[in-house]
C-alpha atoms as a PDB file:
ATOM      1  CA  MET A   1     -21.536 -22.956 -45.784  1.00  0.00           C
ATOM      2  CA  LYS A   2     -22.687 -19.319 -46.072  1.00  0.00           C
ATOM      3  CA  SER A   3     -24.937 -19.716 -43.034  1.00  0.00           C
ATOM      4  CA  ILE A   4     -21.987 -21.029 -41.010  1.00  0.00           C
ATOM      5  CA  TRP A   5     -19.950 -17.902 -41.781  1.00  0.00           C
ATOM      6  CA  ILE A   6     -22.891 -15.658 -40.890  1.00  0.00           C
ATOM      7  CA  THR A   7     -23.347 -17.507 -37.600  1.00  0.00           C
ATOM      8  CA  LEU A   8     -19.626 -17.172 -36.840  1.00  0.00           C
ATOM      9  CA  ALA A   9     -19.675 -13.454 -37.647  1.00  0.00           C
ATOM     10  CA  LEU A  10     -22.642 -12.896 -35.353  1.00  0.00           C
ATOM     11  CA  PHE A  11     -20.887 -14.793 -32.579  1.00  0.00           C
ATOM     12  CA  LEU A  12     -17.718 -12.738 -32.924  1.00  0.00           C
ATOM     13  CA  CYS A  13     -19.636  -9.467 -32.883  1.00  0.00           C
ATOM     14  CA  THR A  14     -21.872 -10.316 -29.937  1.00  0.00           C
ATOM     15  CA  SER A  15     -19.030 -11.831 -27.922  1.00  0.00           C
ATOM     16  CA  GLY A  16     -16.992  -8.657 -28.295  1.00  0.00           C
ATOM     17  CA  LEU A  17     -14.053 -10.382 -29.952  1.00  0.00           C
ATOM     18  CA  TRP A  18     -14.175  -8.048 -32.945  1.00  0.00           C
ATOM     19  CA  ALA A  19     -14.681  -5.057 -30.669  1.00  0.00           C
ATOM     20  CA  GLN A  20     -11.199  -5.585 -29.245  1.00  0.00           C
ATOM     21  CA  SER A  21      -8.721  -3.726 -31.419  1.00  0.00           C
ATOM     22  CA  LYS A  22      -5.161  -4.959 -31.773  1.00  0.00           C
ATOM     23  CA  GLU A  23      -3.817  -1.425 -31.323  1.00  0.00           C
ATOM     24  CA  THR A  24      -4.711   1.702 -29.363  1.00  0.00           C
ATOM     25  CA  THR A  25      -3.225   5.049 -30.378  1.00  0.00           C
ATOM     26  CA  ILE A  26      -2.853   7.883 -27.879  1.00  0.00           C
ATOM     27  CA  ALA A  27      -1.308  11.265 -28.698  1.00  0.00           C
ATOM     28  CA  PHE A  28      -0.168  14.049 -26.395  1.00  0.00           C
ATOM     29  CA  GLY A  29       1.485  17.423 -26.497  1.00  0.00           C
ATOM     30  CA  SER A  30       2.098  20.666 -24.668  1.00  0.00           C
ATOM     31  CA  CYS A  31       3.233  24.260 -25.041  1.00  0.00           C
ATOM     32  CA  ASP A  32       0.796  25.546 -27.654  1.00  0.00           C
ATOM     33  CA  ASP A  33       0.818  29.315 -28.086  1.00  0.00           C
ATOM     34  CA  GLU A  34      -2.634  30.198 -29.374  1.00  0.00           C
ATOM     35  CA  ASP A  35      -1.223  33.234 -31.225  1.00  0.00           C
ATOM     36  CA  GLU A  36       1.189  31.107 -33.286  1.00  0.00           C
ATOM     37  CA  PRO A  37       0.291  29.128 -36.455  1.00  0.00           C
ATOM     38  CA  GLN A  38      -1.592  25.947 -35.503  1.00  0.00           C
ATOM     39  CA  GLU A  39      -0.023  23.747 -38.175  1.00  0.00           C
ATOM     40  CA  MET A  40       0.464  20.651 -36.005  1.00  0.00           C
ATOM     41  CA  TRP A  41      -3.174  19.605 -35.677  1.00  0.00           C
ATOM     42  CA  LYS A  42      -3.321  18.106 -39.160  1.00  0.00           C
ATOM     43  CA  GLU A  43      -0.356  15.897 -38.237  1.00  0.00           C
ATOM     44  CA  VAL A  44      -2.033  14.823 -34.997  1.00  0.00           C
ATOM     45  CA  ILE A  45      -5.281  14.013 -36.809  1.00  0.00           C
ATOM     46  CA  ALA A  46      -3.354  11.891 -39.330  1.00  0.00           C
ATOM     47  CA  GLN A  47      -2.356   9.570 -36.469  1.00  0.00           C
ATOM     48  CA  LYS A  48      -6.046   8.929 -35.659  1.00  0.00           C
ATOM     49  CA  PRO A  49      -5.609   8.906 -31.879  1.00  0.00           C
ATOM     50  CA  SER A  50      -8.331   7.559 -29.608  1.00  0.00           C
ATOM     51  CA  VAL A  51      -7.253  10.085 -26.983  1.00  0.00           C
ATOM     52  CA  TRP A  52      -5.479  13.429 -27.041  1.00  0.00           C
ATOM     53  CA  ILE A  53      -3.680  14.364 -23.780  1.00  0.00           C
ATOM     54  CA  TRP A  54      -2.894  18.001 -23.051  1.00  0.00           C
ATOM     55  CA  GLY A  55       0.368  18.178 -21.093  1.00  0.00           C
ATOM     56  CA  GLY A  56       0.076  21.803 -19.997  1.00  0.00           C
ATOM     57  CA  ASP A  57       0.761  25.296 -21.319  1.00  0.00           C
ATOM     58  CA  ASN A  58      -2.314  24.663 -23.421  1.00  0.00           C
ATOM     59  CA  VAL A  59      -2.518  28.425 -23.868  1.00  0.00           C
ATOM     60  CA  TYR A  60      -0.145  31.231 -22.918  1.00  0.00           C
ATOM     61  CA  ALA A  61      -1.974  33.512 -20.500  1.00  0.00           C
ATOM     62  CA  ASP A  62       0.240  34.386 -17.492  1.00  0.00           C
ATOM     63  CA  THR A  63      -2.520  36.519 -16.043  1.00  0.00           C
ATOM     64  CA  HIS A  64      -4.781  37.201 -13.088  1.00  0.00           C
ATOM     65  CA  ASP A  65      -7.433  38.394 -15.564  1.00  0.00           C
ATOM     66  CA  MET A  66      -9.901  35.543 -16.018  1.00  0.00           C
ATOM     67  CA  ILE A  67     -11.633  37.288 -18.922  1.00  0.00           C
ATOM     68  CA  LEU A  68      -8.335  37.264 -20.805  1.00  0.00           C
ATOM     69  CA  LEU A  69      -7.710  33.630 -19.868  1.00  0.00           C
ATOM     70  CA  LYS A  70     -11.135  32.590 -21.170  1.00  0.00           C
ATOM     71  CA  ALA A  71     -10.551  34.481 -24.425  1.00  0.00           C
ATOM     72  CA  LYS A  72      -7.294  32.607 -24.992  1.00  0.00           C
ATOM     73  CA  TYR A  73      -8.930  29.231 -24.349  1.00  0.00           C
ATOM     74  CA  ASP A  74     -11.798  30.184 -26.671  1.00  0.00           C
ATOM     75  CA  LYS A  75      -9.343  31.091 -29.417  1.00  0.00           C
ATOM     76  CA  GLN A  76      -7.483  27.806 -29.025  1.00  0.00           C
ATOM     77  CA  LYS A  77     -10.671  25.782 -29.034  1.00  0.00           C
ATOM     78  CA  SER A  78     -12.105  27.561 -32.100  1.00  0.00           C
ATOM     79  CA  ASN A  79      -9.343  26.351 -34.431  1.00  0.00           C
ATOM     80  CA  PRO A  80     -11.072  24.232 -37.144  1.00  0.00           C
ATOM     81  CA  ASP A  81      -8.433  21.511 -37.118  1.00  0.00           C
ATOM     82  CA  TYR A  82      -8.521  21.225 -33.329  1.00  0.00           C
ATOM     83  CA  GLN A  83     -12.306  21.024 -33.507  1.00  0.00           C
ATOM     84  CA  LYS A  84     -11.933  18.121 -35.916  1.00  0.00           C
ATOM     85  CA  LEU A  85      -9.636  16.406 -33.411  1.00  0.00           C
ATOM     86  CA  MET A  86     -12.229  16.950 -30.672  1.00  0.00           C
ATOM     87  CA  ARG A  87     -14.838  15.196 -32.784  1.00  0.00           C
ATOM     88  CA  MET A  88     -12.678  12.123 -33.394  1.00  0.00           C
ATOM     89  CA  SER A  89     -10.799  11.784 -30.079  1.00  0.00           C
ATOM     90  CA  THR A  90     -11.444  11.913 -26.360  1.00  0.00           C
ATOM     91  CA  ILE A  91      -9.752  14.959 -24.832  1.00  0.00           C
ATOM     92  CA  THR A  92      -8.078  14.920 -21.408  1.00  0.00           C
ATOM     93  CA  GLY A  93      -5.095  16.583 -19.760  1.00  0.00           C
ATOM     94  CA  THR A  94      -3.728  18.944 -17.153  1.00  0.00           C
ATOM     95  CA  TRP A  95      -2.187  22.410 -16.927  1.00  0.00           C
ATOM     96  CA  ASP A  96       1.278  23.859 -16.474  1.00  0.00           C
ATOM     97  CA  ASP A  97       2.327  27.337 -15.422  1.00  0.00           C
ATOM     98  CA  HIS A  98       1.306  29.541 -18.373  1.00  0.00           C
ATOM     99  CA  ASP A  99      -2.285  28.274 -18.513  1.00  0.00           C
ATOM    100  CA  TYR A 100      -2.406  27.942 -14.724  1.00  0.00           C
ATOM    101  CA  GLY A 101      -1.948  31.692 -14.768  1.00  0.00           C
ATOM    102  CA  VAL A 102       1.541  32.667 -13.641  1.00  0.00           C
ATOM    103  CA  ASN A 103       4.991  31.769 -14.960  1.00  0.00           C
ATOM    104  CA  ASP A 104       6.674  29.114 -12.765  1.00  0.00           C
ATOM    105  CA  GLY A 105       3.664  29.383 -10.443  1.00  0.00           C
ATOM    106  CA  GLY A 106       2.889  27.212  -7.457  1.00  0.00           C
ATOM    107  CA  LYS A 107       0.408  27.026  -4.612  1.00  0.00           C
ATOM    108  CA  LEU A 108       0.506  30.759  -3.834  1.00  0.00           C
ATOM    109  CA  TYR A 109      -1.202  31.824  -7.082  1.00  0.00           C
ATOM    110  CA  SER A 110      -4.312  33.645  -5.890  1.00  0.00           C
ATOM    111  CA  LYS A 111      -6.529  32.863  -8.900  1.00  0.00           C
ATOM    112  CA  LYS A 112      -6.016  29.096  -9.068  1.00  0.00           C
ATOM    113  CA  ASN A 113      -9.613  28.245  -8.130  1.00  0.00           C
ATOM    114  CA  ASP A 114     -10.965  30.607 -10.795  1.00  0.00           C
ATOM    115  CA  SER A 115      -8.465  29.346 -13.352  1.00  0.00           C
ATOM    116  CA  LYS A 116      -9.513  25.746 -12.665  1.00  0.00           C
ATOM    117  CA  LYS A 117     -12.985  26.372 -14.068  1.00  0.00           C
ATOM    118  CA  TYR A 118     -11.648  27.540 -17.420  1.00  0.00           C
ATOM    119  CA  LEU A 119      -9.264  24.616 -17.805  1.00  0.00           C
ATOM    120  CA  LEU A 120     -12.054  22.117 -17.122  1.00  0.00           C
ATOM    121  CA  ASP A 121     -14.335  23.924 -19.566  1.00  0.00           C
ATOM    122  CA  PHE A 122     -11.566  23.773 -22.174  1.00  0.00           C
ATOM    123  CA  LEU A 123     -11.077  20.044 -21.601  1.00  0.00           C
ATOM    124  CA  GLY A 124     -14.833  19.457 -21.796  1.00  0.00           C
ATOM    125  CA  ILE A 125     -15.095  18.081 -18.253  1.00  0.00           C
ATOM    126  CA  ALA A 126     -18.523  18.887 -16.856  1.00  0.00           C
ATOM    127  CA  GLU A 127     -19.993  18.375 -13.425  1.00  0.00           C
ATOM    128  CA  PRO A 128     -20.530  16.040 -11.619  1.00  0.00           C
ATOM    129  CA  SER A 129     -16.996  14.811 -12.388  1.00  0.00           C
ATOM    130  CA  PRO A 130     -15.001  13.979  -9.221  1.00  0.00           C
ATOM    131  CA  VAL A 131     -12.467  16.677 -10.135  1.00  0.00           C
ATOM    132  CA  TYR A 132     -15.017  19.266  -8.961  1.00  0.00           C
ATOM    133  CA  GLU A 133     -15.082  17.723  -5.497  1.00  0.00           C
ATOM    134  CA  HIS A 134     -11.541  18.685  -4.522  1.00  0.00           C
ATOM    135  CA  GLU A 135      -9.041  21.491  -4.882  1.00  0.00           C
ATOM    136  CA  GLY A 136      -6.782  21.293  -7.927  1.00  0.00           C
ATOM    137  CA  VAL A 137      -7.308  19.677 -11.329  1.00  0.00           C
ATOM    138  CA  TYR A 138      -5.923  16.157 -10.842  1.00  0.00           C
ATOM    139  CA  HIS A 139      -8.182  13.523 -12.391  1.00  0.00           C
ATOM    140  CA  SER A 140      -8.026  10.312 -14.399  1.00  0.00           C
ATOM    141  CA  LEU A 141      -9.546   8.838 -17.544  1.00  0.00           C
ATOM    142  CA  THR A 142      -9.908   5.129 -18.300  1.00  0.00           C
ATOM    143  CA  ILE A 143     -10.346   3.858 -21.843  1.00  0.00           C
ATOM    144  CA  GLY A 144     -10.727   0.358 -23.263  1.00  0.00           C
ATOM    145  CA  LYS A 145     -12.206  -2.790 -21.805  1.00  0.00           C
ATOM    146  CA  GLY A 146     -11.022  -6.072 -20.384  1.00  0.00           C
ATOM    147  CA  LYS A 147      -7.377  -6.764 -21.169  1.00  0.00           C
ATOM    148  CA  GLN A 148      -7.059  -3.488 -23.081  1.00  0.00           C
ATOM    149  CA  LYS A 149      -7.809  -1.002 -20.302  1.00  0.00           C
ATOM    150  CA  VAL A 150      -5.588   2.074 -20.114  1.00  0.00           C
ATOM    151  CA  LYS A 151      -5.794   4.632 -17.316  1.00  0.00           C
ATOM    152  CA  ILE A 152      -4.485   8.152 -17.907  1.00  0.00           C
ATOM    153  CA  ILE A 153      -3.575   9.838 -14.611  1.00  0.00           C
ATOM    154  CA  ASN A 154      -3.430  13.615 -14.966  1.00  0.00           C
ATOM    155  CA  LEU A 155      -1.339  15.101 -12.170  1.00  0.00           C
ATOM    156  CA  ASP A 156      -1.645  18.687 -10.958  1.00  0.00           C
ATOM    157  CA  THR A 157       1.930  19.912 -10.415  1.00  0.00           C
ATOM    158  CA  ARG A 158       0.881  23.543  -9.742  1.00  0.00           C
ATOM    159  CA  SER A 159      -1.938  23.922  -7.216  1.00  0.00           C
ATOM    160  CA  PHE A 160      -0.046  22.401  -4.284  1.00  0.00           C
ATOM    161  CA  ARG A 161       3.575  22.905  -5.300  1.00  0.00           C
ATOM    162  CA  ASP A 162       5.866  24.595  -2.805  1.00  0.00           C
ATOM    163  CA  THR A 163       8.000  27.582  -3.724  1.00  0.00           C
ATOM    164  CA  VAL A 164      11.338  27.423  -5.515  1.00  0.00           C
ATOM    165  CA  ILE A 165      13.854  30.255  -5.694  1.00  0.00           C
ATOM    166  CA  LYS A 166      15.211  31.328  -9.070  1.00  0.00           C
ATOM    167  CA  VAL A 167      18.847  32.426  -8.956  1.00  0.00           C
ATOM    168  CA  SER A 168      20.705  34.449 -11.618  1.00  0.00           C
ATOM    169  CA  PHE A 169      24.292  33.648 -12.592  1.00  0.00           C
ATOM    170  CA  ILE A 170      26.823  34.309 -15.340  1.00  0.00           C
ATOM    171  CA  ASP A 171      27.632  31.208 -17.378  1.00  0.00           C
ATOM    172  CA  SER A 172      31.397  30.670 -17.372  1.00  0.00           C
ATOM    173  CA  LEU A 173      31.446  29.284 -20.929  1.00  0.00           C
ATOM    174  CA  THR A 174      29.188  31.751 -22.737  1.00  0.00           C
ATOM    175  CA  ASN A 175      29.464  34.725 -20.388  1.00  0.00           C
ATOM    176  CA  LYS A 176      25.673  35.051 -20.656  1.00  0.00           C
ATOM    177  CA  LYS A 177      23.342  35.847 -17.778  1.00  0.00           C
ATOM    178  CA  MET A 178      21.256  32.772 -16.944  1.00  0.00           C
ATOM    179  CA  THR A 179      19.007  31.465 -14.194  1.00  0.00           C
ATOM    180  CA  HIS A 180      18.531  28.214 -12.340  1.00  0.00           C
ATOM    181  CA  TYR A 181      16.410  26.995  -9.443  1.00  0.00           C
ATOM    182  CA  GLU A 182      17.707  26.214  -5.996  1.00  0.00           C
ATOM    183  CA  LYS A 183      16.537  22.828  -4.759  1.00  0.00           C
ATOM    184  CA  ASN A 184      13.756  22.852  -2.198  1.00  0.00           C
ATOM    185  CA  LEU A 185      15.013  19.826  -0.285  1.00  0.00           C
ATOM    186  CA  LYS A 186      11.861  19.217   1.760  1.00  0.00           C
ATOM    187  CA  GLY A 187       9.349  20.835  -0.590  1.00  0.00           C
ATOM    188  CA  ASP A 188       6.314  19.034  -2.018  1.00  0.00           C
ATOM    189  CA  VAL A 189       4.720  19.023  -5.458  1.00  0.00           C
ATOM    190  CA  LEU A 190       1.382  17.211  -5.120  1.00  0.00           C
ATOM    191  CA  GLY A 191      -0.002  17.770  -1.623  1.00  0.00           C
ATOM    192  CA  GLU A 192      -1.141  14.943   0.662  1.00  0.00           C
ATOM    193  CA  ALA A 193      -4.648  14.574  -0.797  1.00  0.00           C
ATOM    194  CA  GLN A 194      -3.255  14.148  -4.294  1.00  0.00           C
ATOM    195  CA  TRP A 195      -0.588  11.721  -3.085  1.00  0.00           C
ATOM    196  CA  GLN A 196      -3.285   9.493  -1.585  1.00  0.00           C
ATOM    197  CA  TRP A 197      -5.394   9.810  -4.734  1.00  0.00           C
ATOM    198  CA  LEU A 198      -2.436   8.802  -6.919  1.00  0.00           C
ATOM    199  CA  THR A 199      -1.745   5.740  -4.764  1.00  0.00           C
ATOM    200  CA  ASP A 200      -5.405   4.748  -4.987  1.00  0.00           C
ATOM    201  CA  GLU A 201      -5.490   5.239  -8.779  1.00  0.00           C
ATOM    202  CA  LEU A 202      -2.459   3.007  -9.226  1.00  0.00           C
ATOM    203  CA  SER A 203      -4.025   0.269  -7.093  1.00  0.00           C
ATOM    204  CA  ASP A 204      -6.557  -0.532  -9.827  1.00  0.00           C
ATOM    205  CA  SER A 205      -5.821  -4.174 -10.619  1.00  0.00           C
ATOM    206  CA  SER A 206      -8.172  -4.236 -13.625  1.00  0.00           C
ATOM    207  CA  THR A 207      -6.033  -1.804 -15.656  1.00  0.00           C
ATOM    208  CA  GLU A 208      -3.332  -3.130 -17.989  1.00  0.00           C
ATOM    209  CA  LEU A 209      -1.382   0.101 -18.549  1.00  0.00           C
ATOM    210  CA  PHE A 210      -1.118   3.390 -16.671  1.00  0.00           C
ATOM    211  CA  ILE A 211      -0.007   6.650 -18.279  1.00  0.00           C
ATOM    212  CA  ILE A 212       0.986   9.337 -15.774  1.00  0.00           C
ATOM    213  CA  ASN A 213       0.715  12.812 -17.273  1.00  0.00           C
ATOM    214  CA  SER A 214       3.093  15.207 -15.488  1.00  0.00           C
ATOM    215  CA  SER A 215       3.458  18.723 -16.870  1.00  0.00           C
ATOM    216  CA  ILE A 216       7.110  18.850 -15.779  1.00  0.00           C
ATOM    217  CA  GLN A 217       9.802  16.233 -16.311  1.00  0.00           C
ATOM    218  CA  VAL A 218      10.102  13.509 -13.681  1.00  0.00           C
ATOM    219  CA  ILE A 219      13.284  11.607 -14.535  1.00  0.00           C
ATOM    220  CA  SER A 220      15.619  14.152 -16.179  1.00  0.00           C
ATOM    221  CA  ALA A 221      17.459  15.817 -13.295  1.00  0.00           C
ATOM    222  CA  GLU A 222      20.453  17.789 -14.559  1.00  0.00           C
ATOM    223  CA  HIS A 223      19.065  20.742 -16.502  1.00  0.00           C
ATOM    224  CA  ARG A 224      18.506  24.134 -14.862  1.00  0.00           C
ATOM    225  CA  PHE A 225      14.782  24.524 -15.573  1.00  0.00           C
ATOM    226  CA  GLU A 226      11.597  23.382 -13.829  1.00  0.00           C
ATOM    227  CA  LYS A 227      11.518  19.671 -13.002  1.00  0.00           C
ATOM    228  CA  TRP A 228      10.624  17.241 -10.230  1.00  0.00           C
ATOM    229  CA  ALA A 229      14.319  17.085  -9.289  1.00  0.00           C
ATOM    230  CA  ASN A 230      14.001  20.634  -7.900  1.00  0.00           C
ATOM    231  CA  PHE A 231      12.028  18.867  -5.147  1.00  0.00           C
ATOM    232  CA  PRO A 232      14.215  15.805  -4.483  1.00  0.00           C
ATOM    233  CA  ALA A 233      12.111  14.434  -1.613  1.00  0.00           C
ATOM    234  CA  ALA A 234       8.928  14.642  -3.696  1.00  0.00           C
ATOM    235  CA  ARG A 235      10.634  13.096  -6.726  1.00  0.00           C
ATOM    236  CA  LYS A 236      11.916  10.222  -4.611  1.00  0.00           C
ATOM    237  CA  ARG A 237       8.441   9.705  -3.213  1.00  0.00           C
ATOM    238  CA  LEU A 238       6.857   9.668  -6.672  1.00  0.00           C
ATOM    239  CA  LEU A 239       9.289   7.068  -7.977  1.00  0.00           C
ATOM    240  CA  GLU A 240       8.726   4.953  -4.863  1.00  0.00           C
ATOM    241  CA  VAL A 241       4.922   5.146  -5.272  1.00  0.00           C
ATOM    242  CA  ILE A 242       5.228   4.038  -8.888  1.00  0.00           C
ATOM    243  CA  ALA A 243       7.592   1.174  -8.049  1.00  0.00           C
ATOM    244  CA  ALA A 244       5.469   0.025  -5.101  1.00  0.00           C
ATOM    245  CA  SER A 245       2.349  -0.139  -7.282  1.00  0.00           C
ATOM    246  CA  ASN A 246       3.822  -3.056  -9.236  1.00  0.00           C
ATOM    247  CA  LYS A 247       1.914  -1.825 -12.287  1.00  0.00           C
ATOM    248  CA  ARG A 248       2.883  -1.076 -15.884  1.00  0.00           C
ATOM    249  CA  VAL A 249       3.483   2.683 -15.927  1.00  0.00           C
ATOM    250  CA  ILE A 250       4.715   5.154 -18.538  1.00  0.00           C
ATOM    251  CA  ILE A 251       5.198   8.860 -17.804  1.00  0.00           C
ATOM    252  CA  VAL A 252       4.468  11.570 -20.374  1.00  0.00           C
ATOM    253  CA  SER A 253       5.687  15.123 -19.770  1.00  0.00           C
ATOM    254  CA  GLY A 254       6.103  18.474 -21.490  1.00  0.00           C
ATOM    255  CA  ASP A 255       7.186  22.030 -20.620  1.00  0.00           C
ATOM    256  CA  ARG A 256      10.659  21.928 -22.181  1.00  0.00           C
ATOM    257  CA  HIS A 257      10.069  22.809 -25.878  1.00  0.00           C
ATOM    258  CA  ILE A 258      12.125  19.734 -26.835  1.00  0.00           C
ATOM    259  CA  ALA A 259      11.524  15.989 -26.950  1.00  0.00           C
ATOM    260  CA  GLU A 260      13.426  13.076 -25.436  1.00  0.00           C
ATOM    261  CA  PHE A 261      13.067   9.691 -23.779  1.00  0.00           C
ATOM    262  CA  SER A 262      14.428   9.335 -20.244  1.00  0.00           C
ATOM    263  CA  LYS A 263      14.838   5.876 -18.737  1.00  0.00           C
ATOM    264  CA  ILE A 264      15.467   4.782 -15.152  1.00  0.00           C
ATOM    265  CA  GLU A 265      15.706   1.388 -13.462  1.00  0.00           C
ATOM    266  CA  LEU A 266      13.941   1.379 -10.091  1.00  0.00           C
ATOM    267  CA  PRO A 267      14.387  -1.188  -7.307  1.00  0.00           C
ATOM    268  CA  GLY A 268      11.496  -3.604  -7.260  1.00  0.00           C
ATOM    269  CA  MET A 269      10.335  -2.824 -10.810  1.00  0.00           C
ATOM    270  CA  LYS A 270      10.533  -5.545 -13.446  1.00  0.00           C
ATOM    271  CA  TYR A 271      10.744  -3.084 -16.330  1.00  0.00           C
ATOM    272  CA  PRO A 272      12.406   0.295 -16.987  1.00  0.00           C
ATOM    273  CA  LEU A 273      10.382   3.424 -16.240  1.00  0.00           C
ATOM    274  CA  ILE A 274      10.204   5.770 -19.233  1.00  0.00           C
ATOM    275  CA  ASP A 275       9.506   9.505 -19.108  1.00  0.00           C
ATOM    276  CA  PHE A 276       8.479  10.479 -22.641  1.00  0.00           C
ATOM    277  CA  THR A 277       8.839  14.260 -23.038  1.00  0.00           C
ATOM    278  CA  SER A 278       7.277  15.964 -26.058  1.00  0.00           C
ATOM    279  CA  SER A 279       7.034  19.774 -26.291  1.00  0.00           C
ATOM    280  CA  GLY A 280       6.185  22.160 -27.824  1.00  0.00           C
ATOM    281  CA  ILE A 281       3.475  22.111 -30.405  1.00  0.00           C
ATOM    282  CA  THR A 282       4.076  25.630 -31.751  1.00  0.00           C
ATOM    283  CA  HIS A 283       7.641  26.490 -30.721  1.00  0.00           C
ATOM    284  CA  THR A 284      11.025  25.034 -29.834  1.00  0.00           C
ATOM    285  CA  TRP A 285      14.472  26.348 -28.927  1.00  0.00           C
ATOM    286  CA  SER A 286      15.690  29.253 -31.061  1.00  0.00           C
ATOM    287  CA  GLU A 287      19.218  27.884 -30.721  1.00  0.00           C
ATOM    288  CA  SER A 288      20.542  24.491 -29.705  1.00  0.00           C
ATOM    289  CA  TRP A 289      22.937  23.701 -26.893  1.00  0.00           C
ATOM    290  CA  GLU A 290      24.279  20.635 -25.167  1.00  0.00           C
ATOM    291  CA  GLU A 291      22.066  19.576 -22.275  1.00  0.00           C
ATOM    292  CA  MET A 292      23.135  16.781 -19.973  1.00  0.00           C
ATOM    293  CA  ASN A 293      20.665  14.039 -19.087  1.00  0.00           C
ATOM    294  CA  LYS A 294      22.287  10.828 -17.922  1.00  0.00           C
ATOM    295  CA  TYR A 295      18.926   9.083 -18.238  1.00  0.00           C
ATOM    296  CA  ARG A 296      18.362  10.035 -21.882  1.00  0.00           C
ATOM    297  CA  VAL A 297      17.887   7.222 -24.402  1.00  0.00           C
ATOM    298  CA  GLY A 298      18.683   8.284 -27.959  1.00  0.00           C
ATOM    299  CA  ASP A 299      19.037  11.876 -29.096  1.00  0.00           C
ATOM    300  CA  LEU A 300      17.684  15.164 -27.834  1.00  0.00           C
ATOM    301  CA  VAL A 301      15.104  16.358 -30.378  1.00  0.00           C
ATOM    302  CA  ILE A 302      14.987  20.133 -30.909  1.00  0.00           C
ATOM    303  CA  GLN A 303      11.899  20.423 -33.089  1.00  0.00           C
ATOM    304  CA  LYS A 304       8.239  21.338 -32.768  1.00  0.00           C
ATOM    305  CA  THR A 305       6.697  18.017 -31.749  1.00  0.00           C
ATOM    306  CA  PHE A 306       3.880  15.976 -30.292  1.00  0.00           C
ATOM    307  CA  GLY A 307       4.068  12.474 -28.880  1.00  0.00           C
ATOM    308  CA  VAL A 308       2.355   9.275 -30.017  1.00  0.00           C
ATOM    309  CA  LEU A 309       1.952   6.010 -28.115  1.00  0.00           C
ATOM    310  CA  LYS A 310       0.884   3.012 -30.186  1.00  0.00           C
ATOM    311  CA  ILE A 311      -0.178   0.220 -27.828  1.00  0.00           C
ATOM    312  CA  ASN A 312      -0.157  -3.222 -29.423  1.00  0.00           C
ATOM    313  CA  TRP A 313      -2.311  -5.802 -27.646  1.00  0.00           C
ATOM    314  CA  SER A 314      -1.472  -8.917 -29.654  1.00  0.00           C
ATOM    315  CA  GLY A 315       0.901 -10.332 -27.022  1.00  0.00           C
ATOM    316  CA  LYS A 316       0.288 -11.438 -23.443  1.00  0.00           C
ATOM    317  CA  ALA A 317       1.317  -7.963 -22.266  1.00  0.00           C
ATOM    318  CA  PRO A 318       1.134  -4.626 -24.111  1.00  0.00           C
ATOM    319  CA  LYS A 319       3.898  -3.514 -26.446  1.00  0.00           C
ATOM    320  CA  VAL A 320       4.152   0.290 -26.596  1.00  0.00           C
ATOM    321  CA  THR A 321       5.824   2.072 -29.496  1.00  0.00           C
ATOM    322  CA  MET A 322       6.525   5.688 -28.539  1.00  0.00           C
ATOM    323  CA  GLN A 323       7.148   8.150 -31.353  1.00  0.00           C
ATOM    324  CA  VAL A 324       8.285  11.764 -31.381  1.00  0.00           C
ATOM    325  CA  ARG A 325       6.376  13.225 -34.313  1.00  0.00           C
ATOM    326  CA  GLY A 326       6.088  16.638 -35.913  1.00  0.00           C
ATOM    327  CA  LEU A 327       5.842  18.261 -39.308  1.00  0.00           C
ATOM    328  CA  ALA A 328       8.170  15.736 -40.953  1.00  0.00           C
ATOM    329  CA  LYS A 329       6.673  12.600 -42.531  1.00  0.00           C
ATOM    330  CA  SER A 330       8.749  10.236 -40.397  1.00  0.00           C
ATOM    331  CA  PRO A 331       9.164  10.193 -36.601  1.00  0.00           C
ATOM    332  CA  TYR A 332      12.092  12.187 -35.215  1.00  0.00           C
ATOM    333  CA  ALA A 333      12.721   9.473 -32.616  1.00  0.00           C
ATOM    334  CA  GLU A 334      11.194   6.214 -31.416  1.00  0.00           C
ATOM    335  CA  TYR A 335      11.401   3.976 -28.379  1.00  0.00           C
ATOM    336  CA  VAL A 336       9.710   0.587 -27.973  1.00  0.00           C
ATOM    337  CA  LEU A 337       8.792  -0.818 -24.562  1.00  0.00           C
ATOM    338  CA  ASP A 338       7.598  -4.416 -24.813  1.00  0.00           C
ATOM    339  CA  PHE A 339       6.166  -5.380 -21.428  1.00  0.00           C
ATOM    340  CA  ASP A 340       6.028  -8.993 -22.606  1.00  0.00           C
ATOM    341  CA  LEU A 341       9.795  -9.136 -22.091  1.00  0.00           C
ATOM    342  CA  TYR A 342       9.502  -8.278 -18.385  1.00  0.00           C
ATOM    343  CA  ARG A 343       6.721 -10.591 -17.234  1.00  0.00           C
END
């Protein structure tokens, strides 16, 4: 009898059946000021993620001085808890404006090619990665095998983004001076080369789940800050590319220093598209206010947070539990997307 069990164990190991885990954990976050206390990394490590995704504003530089930018990345990377995360998880991600090098910056930033090198060094992406073969930092990472493959698509929403105009106004309710962005009705975010790359990445029929990492929010459209909705033609195009792919896609985003789930139903898609926003790691709003988002599911979370995706593979299609986590023991919010229900 003992020999039978040994034979069975050897078969399971060599066939890869035991190598397939029933759950994959991926964590992500953004807006980490390297000069603030780095208390969140212990919480991230406790989730034991296979992958950590940087969503942008990985440091706060806002500079044309590449020596200063490198020093900030070096400080961030030298944190002992973050180093522990690097040893246990694969690191990937993109940038947003503050680590790109200029607040609210777009394609006109003169140091973007120099800045690219330091982001890739920080992420641990060495040549000859394909990301070195083109302008910008868009790239992808695939993890898992067989029916558990996940592709993380890191968009670059800075290098090719057209200009937006910031306008000052006096809020009628608070009498405070505020700003908002005028819509650039024909403006682009990704650039044609990146659009084609994104379409090609989503055409991968061997991947079970795609995670699109966008530094700025895709679905939320009513707030006055940076977002895809400031470029309505580009936003429409992105949603159409996702819907036309006929793939299982979840968006993760940052930038906002809050967390929320936004949900939209797109023509031709069998399942709802979720934009899971989690930001920031070291800071959040100093005061709360009502912010409209007709696509929001659940509550707006005004806390220091990171996001967790727990992908359960026990069904015929993945079941993804998305959690807004932070310094509290329990999640601040949770949303479950069971793709098995939409087959």
